[in-house]
Amino acid sequence: MALTKLMQWALAFAAFTGLWATLVANAAQPENYLHNHELLVLALPVILIGLFGLYAVFIILYRVFTFNDCEEAAAELNKQIKEARKDLKSKGFSFSED
């Protein structure tokens, strides 16, 4: 059975949440103070959300900068629009020319 992308993300989230909850439970043991690595464990979800946001921005910028124009597709689309207008005019539809 193949995992869908949603199931993969849910599995990864569940694994992370379980691991993080275990680390938080260990960090919550009665001690006098929290160590630096325990503070990092507590802040890990916020750090990961920030990193995910940076990753998303990077992916969006990469796709914007590598976007290709397709002149052939644009010409074909314009041709189809003209054909559709001609067909609609033959059926009695009138276009308002702005």
PDB file of N, CA and C in Angstrom:
ATOM      1  N   MET A   1       0.841  -1.180   0.000  1.00  0.00           N
ATOM      2  CA  MET A   1       0.000   0.000   0.000  1.00  0.00           C
ATOM      3  C   MET A   1       0.884   1.240   0.000  1.00  0.00           C
ATOM      4  N   ALA A   2       0.661   2.098  -0.950  1.00  0.00           N
ATOM      5  CA  ALA A   2       1.456   3.315  -1.074  1.00  0.00           C
ATOM      6  C   ALA A   2       0.913   4.391  -0.134  1.00  0.00           C
ATOM      7  N   LEU A   3       1.840   5.109   0.462  1.00  0.00           N
ATOM      8  CA  LEU A   3       1.441   6.199   1.342  1.00  0.00           C
ATOM      9  C   LEU A   3       1.188   7.448   0.514  1.00  0.00           C
ATOM     10  N   THR A   4       0.096   8.126   0.809  1.00  0.00           N
ATOM     11  CA  THR A   4      -0.149   9.405   0.160  1.00  0.00           C
ATOM     12  C   THR A   4       0.735  10.452   0.829  1.00  0.00           C
ATOM     13  N   LYS A   5       0.866  11.598   0.193  1.00  0.00           N
ATOM     14  CA  LYS A   5       1.699  12.658   0.759  1.00  0.00           C
ATOM     15  C   LYS A   5       1.169  13.107   2.125  1.00  0.00           C
ATOM     16  N   LEU A   6      -0.161  13.151   2.263  1.00  0.00           N
ATOM     17  CA  LEU A   6      -0.754  13.522   3.545  1.00  0.00           C
ATOM     18  C   LEU A   6      -0.393  12.508   4.627  1.00  0.00           C
ATOM     19  N   MET A   7      -0.447  11.232   4.272  1.00  0.00           N
ATOM     20  CA  MET A   7      -0.101  10.192   5.249  1.00  0.00           C
ATOM     21  C   MET A   7       1.375  10.269   5.630  1.00  0.00           C
ATOM     22  N   GLN A   8       2.240  10.602   4.669  1.00  0.00           N
ATOM     23  CA  GLN A   8       3.668  10.746   4.973  1.00  0.00           C
ATOM     24  C   GLN A   8       3.896  11.894   5.945  1.00  0.00           C
ATOM     25  N   TRP A   9       3.241  13.047   5.685  1.00  0.00           N
ATOM     26  CA  TRP A   9       3.384  14.191   6.579  1.00  0.00           C
ATOM     27  C   TRP A   9       2.818  13.884   7.964  1.00  0.00           C
ATOM     28  N   ALA A  10       1.668  13.196   8.010  1.00  0.00           N
ATOM     29  CA  ALA A  10       1.054  12.850   9.299  1.00  0.00           C
ATOM     30  C   ALA A  10       1.954  11.907  10.086  1.00  0.00           C
ATOM     31  N   LEU A  11       2.568  10.950   9.401  1.00  0.00           N
ATOM     32  CA  LEU A  11       3.478  10.013  10.070  1.00  0.00           C
ATOM     33  C   LEU A  11       4.700  10.747  10.603  1.00  0.00           C
ATOM     34  N   ALA A  12       5.276  11.631   9.805  1.00  0.00           N
ATOM     35  CA  ALA A  12       6.442  12.398  10.253  1.00  0.00           C
ATOM     36  C   ALA A  12       6.077  13.302  11.428  1.00  0.00           C
ATOM     37  N   PHE A  13       4.890  13.929  11.360  1.00  0.00           N
ATOM     38  CA  PHE A  13       4.446  14.797  12.450  1.00  0.00           C
ATOM     39  C   PHE A  13       4.237  13.993  13.729  1.00  0.00           C
ATOM     40  N   ALA A  14       3.631  12.818  13.611  1.00  0.00           N
ATOM     41  CA  ALA A  14       3.394  11.975  14.782  1.00  0.00           C
ATOM     42  C   ALA A  14       4.717  11.507  15.394  1.00  0.00           C
ATOM     43  N   ALA A  15       5.671  11.132  14.542  1.00  0.00           N
ATOM     44  CA  ALA A  15       6.975  10.700  15.052  1.00  0.00           C
ATOM     45  C   ALA A  15       7.689  11.853  15.753  1.00  0.00           C
ATOM     46  N   PHE A  16       7.666  13.036  15.132  1.00  0.00           N
ATOM     47  CA  PHE A  16       8.300  14.197  15.760  1.00  0.00           C
ATOM     48  C   PHE A  16       7.626  14.550  17.078  1.00  0.00           C
ATOM     49  N   THR A  17       6.298  14.548  17.080  1.00  0.00           N
ATOM     50  CA  THR A  17       5.559  14.906  18.286  1.00  0.00           C
ATOM     51  C   THR A  17       5.852  13.929  19.419  1.00  0.00           C
ATOM     52  N   GLY A  18       5.899  12.642  19.107  1.00  0.00           N
ATOM     53  CA  GLY A  18       6.219  11.644  20.130  1.00  0.00           C
ATOM     54  C   GLY A  18       7.620  11.829  20.684  1.00  0.00           C
ATOM     55  N   LEU A  19       8.590  12.041  19.805  1.00  0.00           N
ATOM     56  CA  LEU A  19       9.964  12.250  20.245  1.00  0.00           C
ATOM     57  C   LEU A  19      10.075  13.531  21.065  1.00  0.00           C
ATOM     58  N   TRP A  20       9.437  14.596  20.586  1.00  0.00           N
ATOM     59  CA  TRP A  20       9.503  15.866  21.299  1.00  0.00           C
ATOM     60  C   TRP A  20       8.832  15.763  22.669  1.00  0.00           C
ATOM     61  N   ALA A  21       7.678  15.088  22.740  1.00  0.00           N
ATOM     62  CA  ALA A  21       6.985  14.926  24.027  1.00  0.00           C
ATOM     63  C   ALA A  21       7.845  14.148  25.011  1.00  0.00           C
ATOM     64  N   THR A  22       8.557  13.145  24.518  1.00  0.00           N
ATOM     65  CA  THR A  22       9.457  12.385  25.386  1.00  0.00           C
ATOM     66  C   THR A  22      10.572  13.272  25.910  1.00  0.00           C
ATOM     67  N   LEU A  23      11.158  14.078  25.045  1.00  0.00           N
ATOM     68  CA  LEU A  23      12.230  14.975  25.480  1.00  0.00           C
ATOM     69  C   LEU A  23      11.720  16.029  26.455  1.00  0.00           C
ATOM     70  N   VAL A  24      10.518  16.533  26.235  1.00  0.00           N
ATOM     71  CA  VAL A  24       9.943  17.527  27.155  1.00  0.00           C
ATOM     72  C   VAL A  24       9.666  16.879  28.506  1.00  0.00           C
ATOM     73  N   ALA A  25       9.162  15.648  28.491  1.00  0.00           N
ATOM     74  CA  ALA A  25       8.895  14.954  29.751  1.00  0.00           C
ATOM     75  C   ALA A  25      10.184  14.736  30.527  1.00  0.00           C
ATOM     76  N   ASN A  26      11.258  14.408  29.823  1.00  0.00           N
ATOM     77  CA  ASN A  26      12.551  14.239  30.503  1.00  0.00           C
ATOM     78  C   ASN A  26      13.089  15.572  30.996  1.00  0.00           C
ATOM     79  N   ALA A  27      12.836  16.650  30.259  1.00  0.00           N
ATOM     80  CA  ALA A  27      13.306  17.975  30.672  1.00  0.00           C
ATOM     81  C   ALA A  27      12.505  18.494  31.853  1.00  0.00           C
ATOM     82  N   ALA A  28      11.299  17.949  32.064  1.00  0.00           N
ATOM     83  CA  ALA A  28      10.443  18.433  33.144  1.00  0.00           C
ATOM     84  C   ALA A  28      10.707  17.725  34.469  1.00  0.00           C
ATOM     85  N   GLN A  29      11.741  16.918  34.520  1.00  0.00           N
ATOM     86  CA  GLN A  29      12.075  16.245  35.776  1.00  0.00           C
ATOM     87  C   GLN A  29      12.431  17.297  36.831  1.00  0.00           C
ATOM     88  N   PRO A  30      12.091  17.019  38.080  1.00  0.00           N
ATOM     89  CA  PRO A  30      12.351  18.026  39.123  1.00  0.00           C
ATOM     90  C   PRO A  30      13.852  18.253  39.327  1.00  0.00           C
ATOM     91  N   GLU A  31      14.317  19.346  38.803  1.00  0.00           N
ATOM     92  CA  GLU A  31      15.707  19.774  38.982  1.00  0.00           C
ATOM     93  C   GLU A  31      15.697  21.248  39.351  1.00  0.00           C
ATOM     94  N   ASN A  32      16.825  21.765  39.696  1.00  0.00           N
ATOM     95  CA  ASN A  32      16.900  23.161  40.096  1.00  0.00           C
ATOM     96  C   ASN A  32      16.799  24.121  38.914  1.00  0.00           C
ATOM     97  N   TYR A  33      17.297  23.737  37.751  1.00  0.00           N
ATOM     98  CA  TYR A  33      17.290  24.629  36.597  1.00  0.00           C
ATOM     99  C   TYR A  33      17.290  23.804  35.321  1.00  0.00           C
ATOM    100  N   LEU A  34      16.923  24.443  34.225  1.00  0.00           N
ATOM    101  CA  LEU A  34      16.959  23.791  32.920  1.00  0.00           C
ATOM    102  C   LEU A  34      18.315  24.061  32.267  1.00  0.00           C
ATOM    103  N   HIS A  35      18.856  23.039  31.647  1.00  0.00           N
ATOM    104  CA  HIS A  35      20.114  23.201  30.915  1.00  0.00           C
ATOM    105  C   HIS A  35      19.809  23.800  29.541  1.00  0.00           C
ATOM    106  N   ASN A  36      20.860  24.272  28.897  1.00  0.00           N
ATOM    107  CA  ASN A  36      20.680  24.908  27.591  1.00  0.00           C
ATOM    108  C   ASN A  36      20.047  23.964  26.575  1.00  0.00           C
ATOM    109  N   HIS A  37      20.448  22.698  26.551  1.00  0.00           N
ATOM    110  CA  HIS A  37      19.879  21.773  25.572  1.00  0.00           C
ATOM    111  C   HIS A  37      18.408  21.492  25.875  1.00  0.00           C
ATOM    112  N   GLU A  38      18.006  21.578  27.128  1.00  0.00           N
ATOM    113  CA  GLU A  38      16.598  21.388  27.469  1.00  0.00           C
ATOM    114  C   GLU A  38      15.766  22.586  27.011  1.00  0.00           C
ATOM    115  N   LEU A  39      16.325  23.780  27.092  1.00  0.00           N
ATOM    116  CA  LEU A  39      15.634  24.960  26.581  1.00  0.00           C
ATOM    117  C   LEU A  39      15.481  24.862  25.061  1.00  0.00           C
ATOM    118  N   LEU A  40      16.506  24.314  24.406  1.00  0.00           N
ATOM    119  CA  LEU A  40      16.429  24.104  22.967  1.00  0.00           C
ATOM    120  C   LEU A  40      15.316  23.120  22.623  1.00  0.00           C
ATOM    121  N   VAL A  41      15.167  22.079  23.429  1.00  0.00           N
ATOM    122  CA  VAL A  41      14.096  21.104  23.201  1.00  0.00           C
ATOM    123  C   VAL A  41      12.731  21.773  23.328  1.00  0.00           C
ATOM    124  N   LEU A  42      12.575  22.642  24.304  1.00  0.00           N
ATOM    125  CA  LEU A  42      11.298  23.319  24.494  1.00  0.00           C
ATOM    126  C   LEU A  42      10.996  24.277  23.344  1.00  0.00           C
ATOM    127  N   ALA A  43      12.028  24.887  22.766  1.00  0.00           N
ATOM    128  CA  ALA A  43      11.832  25.846  21.683  1.00  0.00           C
ATOM    129  C   ALA A  43      11.849  25.192  20.302  1.00  0.00           C
ATOM    130  N   LEU A  44      12.088  23.891  20.235  1.00  0.00           N
ATOM    131  CA  LEU A  44      12.233  23.202  18.954  1.00  0.00           C
ATOM    132  C   LEU A  44      11.046  23.371  18.006  1.00  0.00           C
ATOM    133  N   PRO A  45       9.787  23.275  18.449  1.00  0.00           N
ATOM    134  CA  PRO A  45       8.681  23.476  17.503  1.00  0.00           C
ATOM    135  C   PRO A  45       8.682  24.863  16.866  1.00  0.00           C
ATOM    136  N   VAL A  46       8.985  25.887  17.634  1.00  0.00           N
ATOM    137  CA  VAL A  46       9.017  27.243  17.102  1.00  0.00           C
ATOM    138  C   VAL A  46      10.165  27.380  16.096  1.00  0.00           C
ATOM    139  N   ILE A  47      11.304  26.799  16.413  1.00  0.00           N
ATOM    140  CA  ILE A  47      12.451  26.845  15.511  1.00  0.00           C
ATOM    141  C   ILE A  47      12.116  26.134  14.200  1.00  0.00           C
ATOM    142  N   LEU A  48      11.490  24.970  14.279  1.00  0.00           N
ATOM    143  CA  LEU A  48      11.143  24.211  13.078  1.00  0.00           C
ATOM    144  C   LEU A  48      10.111  24.941  12.224  1.00  0.00           C
ATOM    145  N   ILE A  49       9.153  25.601  12.849  1.00  0.00           N
ATOM    146  CA  ILE A  49       8.171  26.381  12.078  1.00  0.00           C
ATOM    147  C   ILE A  49       8.878  27.527  11.355  1.00  0.00           C
ATOM    148  N   GLY A  50       9.807  28.179  12.025  1.00  0.00           N
ATOM    149  CA  GLY A  50      10.576  29.246  11.380  1.00  0.00           C
ATOM    150  C   GLY A  50      11.409  28.731  10.216  1.00  0.00           C
ATOM    151  N   LEU A  51      12.067  27.584  10.400  1.00  0.00           N
ATOM    152  CA  LEU A  51      12.849  26.993   9.319  1.00  0.00           C
ATOM    153  C   LEU A  51      11.964  26.577   8.154  1.00  0.00           C
ATOM    154  N   PHE A  52      10.787  26.046   8.452  1.00  0.00           N
ATOM    155  CA  PHE A  52       9.852  25.668   7.389  1.00  0.00           C
ATOM    156  C   PHE A  52       9.409  26.901   6.616  1.00  0.00           C
ATOM    157  N   GLY A  53       9.185  28.013   7.312  1.00  0.00           N
ATOM    158  CA  GLY A  53       8.815  29.259   6.646  1.00  0.00           C
ATOM    159  C   GLY A  53       9.916  29.753   5.725  1.00  0.00           C
ATOM    160  N   LEU A  54      11.161  29.685   6.184  1.00  0.00           N
ATOM    161  CA  LEU A  54      12.284  30.077   5.332  1.00  0.00           C
ATOM    162  C   LEU A  54      12.388  29.174   4.112  1.00  0.00           C
ATOM    163  N   TYR A  55      12.189  27.890   4.312  1.00  0.00           N
ATOM    164  CA  TYR A  55      12.220  26.930   3.204  1.00  0.00           C
ATOM    165  C   TYR A  55      11.123  27.253   2.193  1.00  0.00           C
ATOM    166  N   ALA A  56       9.920  27.550   2.676  1.00  0.00           N
ATOM    167  CA  ALA A  56       8.807  27.869   1.785  1.00  0.00           C
ATOM    168  C   ALA A  56       9.097  29.139   0.989  1.00  0.00           C
ATOM    169  N   VAL A  57       9.645  30.155   1.628  1.00  0.00           N
ATOM    170  CA  VAL A  57       9.986  31.395   0.930  1.00  0.00           C
ATOM    171  C   VAL A  57      11.049  31.116  -0.127  1.00  0.00           C
ATOM    172  N   PHE A  58      12.058  30.313   0.211  1.00  0.00           N
ATOM    173  CA  PHE A  58      13.104  29.974  -0.747  1.00  0.00           C
ATOM    174  C   PHE A  58      12.528  29.250  -1.953  1.00  0.00           C
ATOM    175  N   ILE A  59      11.639  28.279  -1.726  1.00  0.00           N
ATOM    176  CA  ILE A  59      11.035  27.530  -2.825  1.00  0.00           C
ATOM    177  C   ILE A  59      10.204  28.459  -3.709  1.00  0.00           C
ATOM    178  N   ILE A  60       9.427  29.344  -3.109  1.00  0.00           N
ATOM    179  CA  ILE A  60       8.608  30.270  -3.890  1.00  0.00           C
ATOM    180  C   ILE A  60       9.492  31.192  -4.722  1.00  0.00           C
ATOM    181  N   LEU A  61      10.530  31.752  -4.117  1.00  0.00           N
ATOM    182  CA  LEU A  61      11.424  32.637  -4.862  1.00  0.00           C
ATOM    183  C   LEU A  61      12.137  31.885  -5.981  1.00  0.00           C
ATOM    184  N   TYR A  62      12.567  30.670  -5.726  1.00  0.00           N
ATOM    185  CA  TYR A  62      13.234  29.870  -6.756  1.00  0.00           C
ATOM    186  C   TYR A  62      12.298  29.629  -7.931  1.00  0.00           C
ATOM    187  N   ARG A  63      11.055  29.285  -7.646  1.00  0.00           N
ATOM    188  CA  ARG A  63      10.107  29.020  -8.728  1.00  0.00           C
ATOM    189  C   ARG A  63       9.738  30.292  -9.490  1.00  0.00           C
ATOM    190  N   VAL A  64       9.715  31.423  -8.813  1.00  0.00           N
ATOM    191  CA  VAL A  64       9.427  32.684  -9.499  1.00  0.00           C
ATOM    192  C   VAL A  64      10.585  33.049 -10.428  1.00  0.00           C
ATOM    193  N   PHE A  65      11.811  32.904  -9.947  1.00  0.00           N
ATOM    194  CA  PHE A  65      12.963  33.291 -10.756  1.00  0.00           C
ATOM    195  C   PHE A  65      13.254  32.319 -11.889  1.00  0.00           C
ATOM    196  N   THR A  66      12.796  31.091 -11.791  1.00  0.00           N
ATOM    197  CA  THR A  66      13.033  30.116 -12.852  1.00  0.00           C
ATOM    198  C   THR A  66      11.790  29.873 -13.697  1.00  0.00           C
ATOM    199  N   PHE A  67      10.802  30.760 -13.593  1.00  0.00           N
ATOM    200  CA  PHE A  67       9.565  30.615 -14.360  1.00  0.00           C
ATOM    201  C   PHE A  67       9.849  30.893 -15.830  1.00  0.00           C
ATOM    202  N   ASN A  68       9.384  30.011 -16.697  1.00  0.00           N
ATOM    203  CA  ASN A  68       9.623  30.161 -18.129  1.00  0.00           C
ATOM    204  C   ASN A  68       8.360  30.630 -18.836  1.00  0.00           C
ATOM    205  N   ASP A  69       8.531  31.566 -19.769  1.00  0.00           N
ATOM    206  CA  ASP A  69       7.425  31.972 -20.629  1.00  0.00           C
ATOM    207  C   ASP A  69       7.314  30.967 -21.760  1.00  0.00           C
ATOM    208  N   CYS A  70       6.099  30.699 -22.169  1.00  0.00           N
ATOM    209  CA  CYS A  70       5.871  29.763 -23.259  1.00  0.00           C
ATOM    210  C   CYS A  70       5.102  30.503 -24.353  1.00  0.00           C
ATOM    211  N   GLU A  71       5.848  31.033 -25.306  1.00  0.00           N
ATOM    212  CA  GLU A  71       5.247  31.835 -26.369  1.00  0.00           C
ATOM    213  C   GLU A  71       4.290  31.006 -27.218  1.00  0.00           C
ATOM    214  N   GLU A  72       4.624  29.736 -27.460  1.00  0.00           N
ATOM    215  CA  GLU A  72       3.765  28.884 -28.284  1.00  0.00           C
ATOM    216  C   GLU A  72       2.410  28.665 -27.621  1.00  0.00           C
ATOM    217  N   ALA A  73       2.424  28.427 -26.320  1.00  0.00           N
ATOM    218  CA  ALA A  73       1.164  28.218 -25.604  1.00  0.00           C
ATOM    219  C   ALA A  73       0.336  29.500 -25.577  1.00  0.00           C
ATOM    220  N   ALA A  74       0.990  30.640 -25.433  1.00  0.00           N
ATOM    221  CA  ALA A  74       0.265  31.915 -25.431  1.00  0.00           C
ATOM    222  C   ALA A  74      -0.384  32.167 -26.785  1.00  0.00           C
ATOM    223  N   ALA A  75       0.347  31.868 -27.869  1.00  0.00           N
ATOM    224  CA  ALA A  75      -0.215  32.054 -29.208  1.00  0.00           C
ATOM    225  C   ALA A  75      -1.391  31.107 -29.433  1.00  0.00           C
ATOM    226  N   GLU A  76      -1.257  29.872 -28.987  1.00  0.00           N
ATOM    227  CA  GLU A  76      -2.345  28.902 -29.135  1.00  0.00           C
ATOM    228  C   GLU A  76      -3.575  29.335 -28.343  1.00  0.00           C
ATOM    229  N   LEU A  77      -3.356  29.838 -27.140  1.00  0.00           N
ATOM    230  CA  LEU A  77      -4.465  30.303 -26.314  1.00  0.00           C
ATOM    231  C   LEU A  77      -5.173  31.487 -26.968  1.00  0.00           C
ATOM    232  N   ASN A  78      -4.409  32.431 -27.502  1.00  0.00           N
ATOM    233  CA  ASN A  78      -5.021  33.578 -28.199  1.00  0.00           C
ATOM    234  C   ASN A  78      -5.819  33.115 -29.411  1.00  0.00           C
ATOM    235  N   LYS A  79      -5.309  32.138 -30.129  1.00  0.00           N
ATOM    236  CA  LYS A  79      -6.027  31.590 -31.282  1.00  0.00           C
ATOM    237  C   LYS A  79      -7.350  30.958 -30.840  1.00  0.00           C
ATOM    238  N   GLN A  80      -7.317  30.207 -29.735  1.00  0.00           N
ATOM    239  CA  GLN A  80      -8.532  29.580 -29.223  1.00  0.00           C
ATOM    240  C   GLN A  80      -9.536  30.627 -28.751  1.00  0.00           C
ATOM    241  N   ILE A  81      -9.051  31.705 -28.166  1.00  0.00           N
ATOM    242  CA  ILE A  81      -9.946  32.779 -27.719  1.00  0.00           C
ATOM    243  C   ILE A  81     -10.637  33.422 -28.918  1.00  0.00           C
ATOM    244  N   LYS A  82      -9.876  33.685 -29.969  1.00  0.00           N
ATOM    245  CA  LYS A  82     -10.462  34.280 -31.176  1.00  0.00           C
ATOM    246  C   LYS A  82     -11.501  33.341 -31.799  1.00  0.00           C
ATOM    247  N   GLU A  83     -11.199  32.033 -31.828  1.00  0.00           N
ATOM    248  CA  GLU A  83     -12.154  31.062 -32.367  1.00  0.00           C
ATOM    249  C   GLU A  83     -13.422  31.010 -31.523  1.00  0.00           C
ATOM    250  N   ALA A  84     -13.258  31.065 -30.202  1.00  0.00           N
ATOM    251  CA  ALA A  84     -14.419  31.031 -29.306  1.00  0.00           C
ATOM    252  C   ALA A  84     -15.268  32.287 -29.475  1.00  0.00           C
ATOM    253  N   ARG A  85     -14.629  33.448 -29.606  1.00  0.00           N
ATOM    254  CA  ARG A  85     -15.377  34.690 -29.828  1.00  0.00           C
ATOM    255  C   ARG A  85     -16.150  34.625 -31.146  1.00  0.00           C
ATOM    256  N   LYS A  86     -15.482  34.119 -32.172  1.00  0.00           N
ATOM    257  CA  LYS A  86     -16.130  33.998 -33.487  1.00  0.00           C
ATOM    258  C   LYS A  86     -17.332  33.064 -33.402  1.00  0.00           C
ATOM    259  N   ASP A  87     -17.171  31.943 -32.705  1.00  0.00           N
ATOM    260  CA  ASP A  87     -18.260  30.974 -32.546  1.00  0.00           C
ATOM    261  C   ASP A  87     -19.419  31.581 -31.760  1.00  0.00           C
ATOM    262  N   LEU A  88     -19.097  32.296 -30.683  1.00  0.00           N
ATOM    263  CA  LEU A  88     -20.157  32.904 -29.871  1.00  0.00           C
ATOM    264  C   LEU A  88     -20.881  34.006 -30.635  1.00  0.00           C
ATOM    265  N   LYS A  89     -20.135  34.791 -31.431  1.00  0.00           N
ATOM    266  CA  LYS A  89     -20.782  35.833 -32.242  1.00  0.00           C
ATOM    267  C   LYS A  89     -21.724  35.222 -33.265  1.00  0.00           C
ATOM    268  N   SER A  90     -21.337  34.057 -33.827  1.00  0.00           N
ATOM    269  CA  SER A  90     -22.212  33.389 -34.806  1.00  0.00           C
ATOM    270  C   SER A  90     -23.491  32.874 -34.145  1.00  0.00           C
ATOM    271  N   LYS A  91     -23.452  32.684 -32.825  1.00  0.00           N
ATOM    272  CA  LYS A  91     -24.631  32.203 -32.093  1.00  0.00           C
ATOM    273  C   LYS A  91     -25.436  33.348 -31.480  1.00  0.00           C
ATOM    274  N   GLY A  92     -25.045  34.593 -31.781  1.00  0.00           N
ATOM    275  CA  GLY A  92     -25.826  35.739 -31.343  1.00  0.00           C
ATOM    276  C   GLY A  92     -25.317  36.450 -30.096  1.00  0.00           C
ATOM    277  N   PHE A  93     -24.204  36.041 -29.564  1.00  0.00           N
ATOM    278  CA  PHE A  93     -23.655  36.696 -28.381  1.00  0.00           C
ATOM    279  C   PHE A  93     -22.908  37.945 -28.816  1.00  0.00           C
ATOM    280  N   SER A  94     -23.120  39.045 -28.112  1.00  0.00           N
ATOM    281  CA  SER A  94     -22.412  40.277 -28.465  1.00  0.00           C
ATOM    282  C   SER A  94     -21.439  40.635 -27.341  1.00  0.00           C
ATOM    283  N   PHE A  95     -20.235  41.010 -27.737  1.00  0.00           N
ATOM    284  CA  PHE A  95     -19.212  41.399 -26.784  1.00  0.00           C
ATOM    285  C   PHE A  95     -19.176  42.911 -26.680  1.00  0.00           C
ATOM    286  N   SER A  96     -18.995  43.409 -25.477  1.00  0.00           N
ATOM    287  CA  SER A  96     -18.830  44.851 -25.302  1.00  0.00           C
ATOM    288  C   SER A  96     -17.349  45.144 -25.453  1.00  0.00           C
ATOM    289  N   GLU A  97     -16.988  45.948 -26.420  1.00  0.00           N
ATOM    290  CA  GLU A  97     -15.582  46.298 -26.670  1.00  0.00           C
ATOM    291  C   GLU A  97     -15.213  47.458 -25.771  1.00  0.00           C
ATOM    292  N   ASP A  98     -14.373  47.210 -24.793  1.00  0.00           N
ATOM    293  CA  ASP A  98     -13.952  48.259 -23.850  1.00  0.00           C
ATOM    294  C   ASP A  98     -12.731  48.956 -24.352  1.00  0.00           C
TER     295      ASP A  98
END
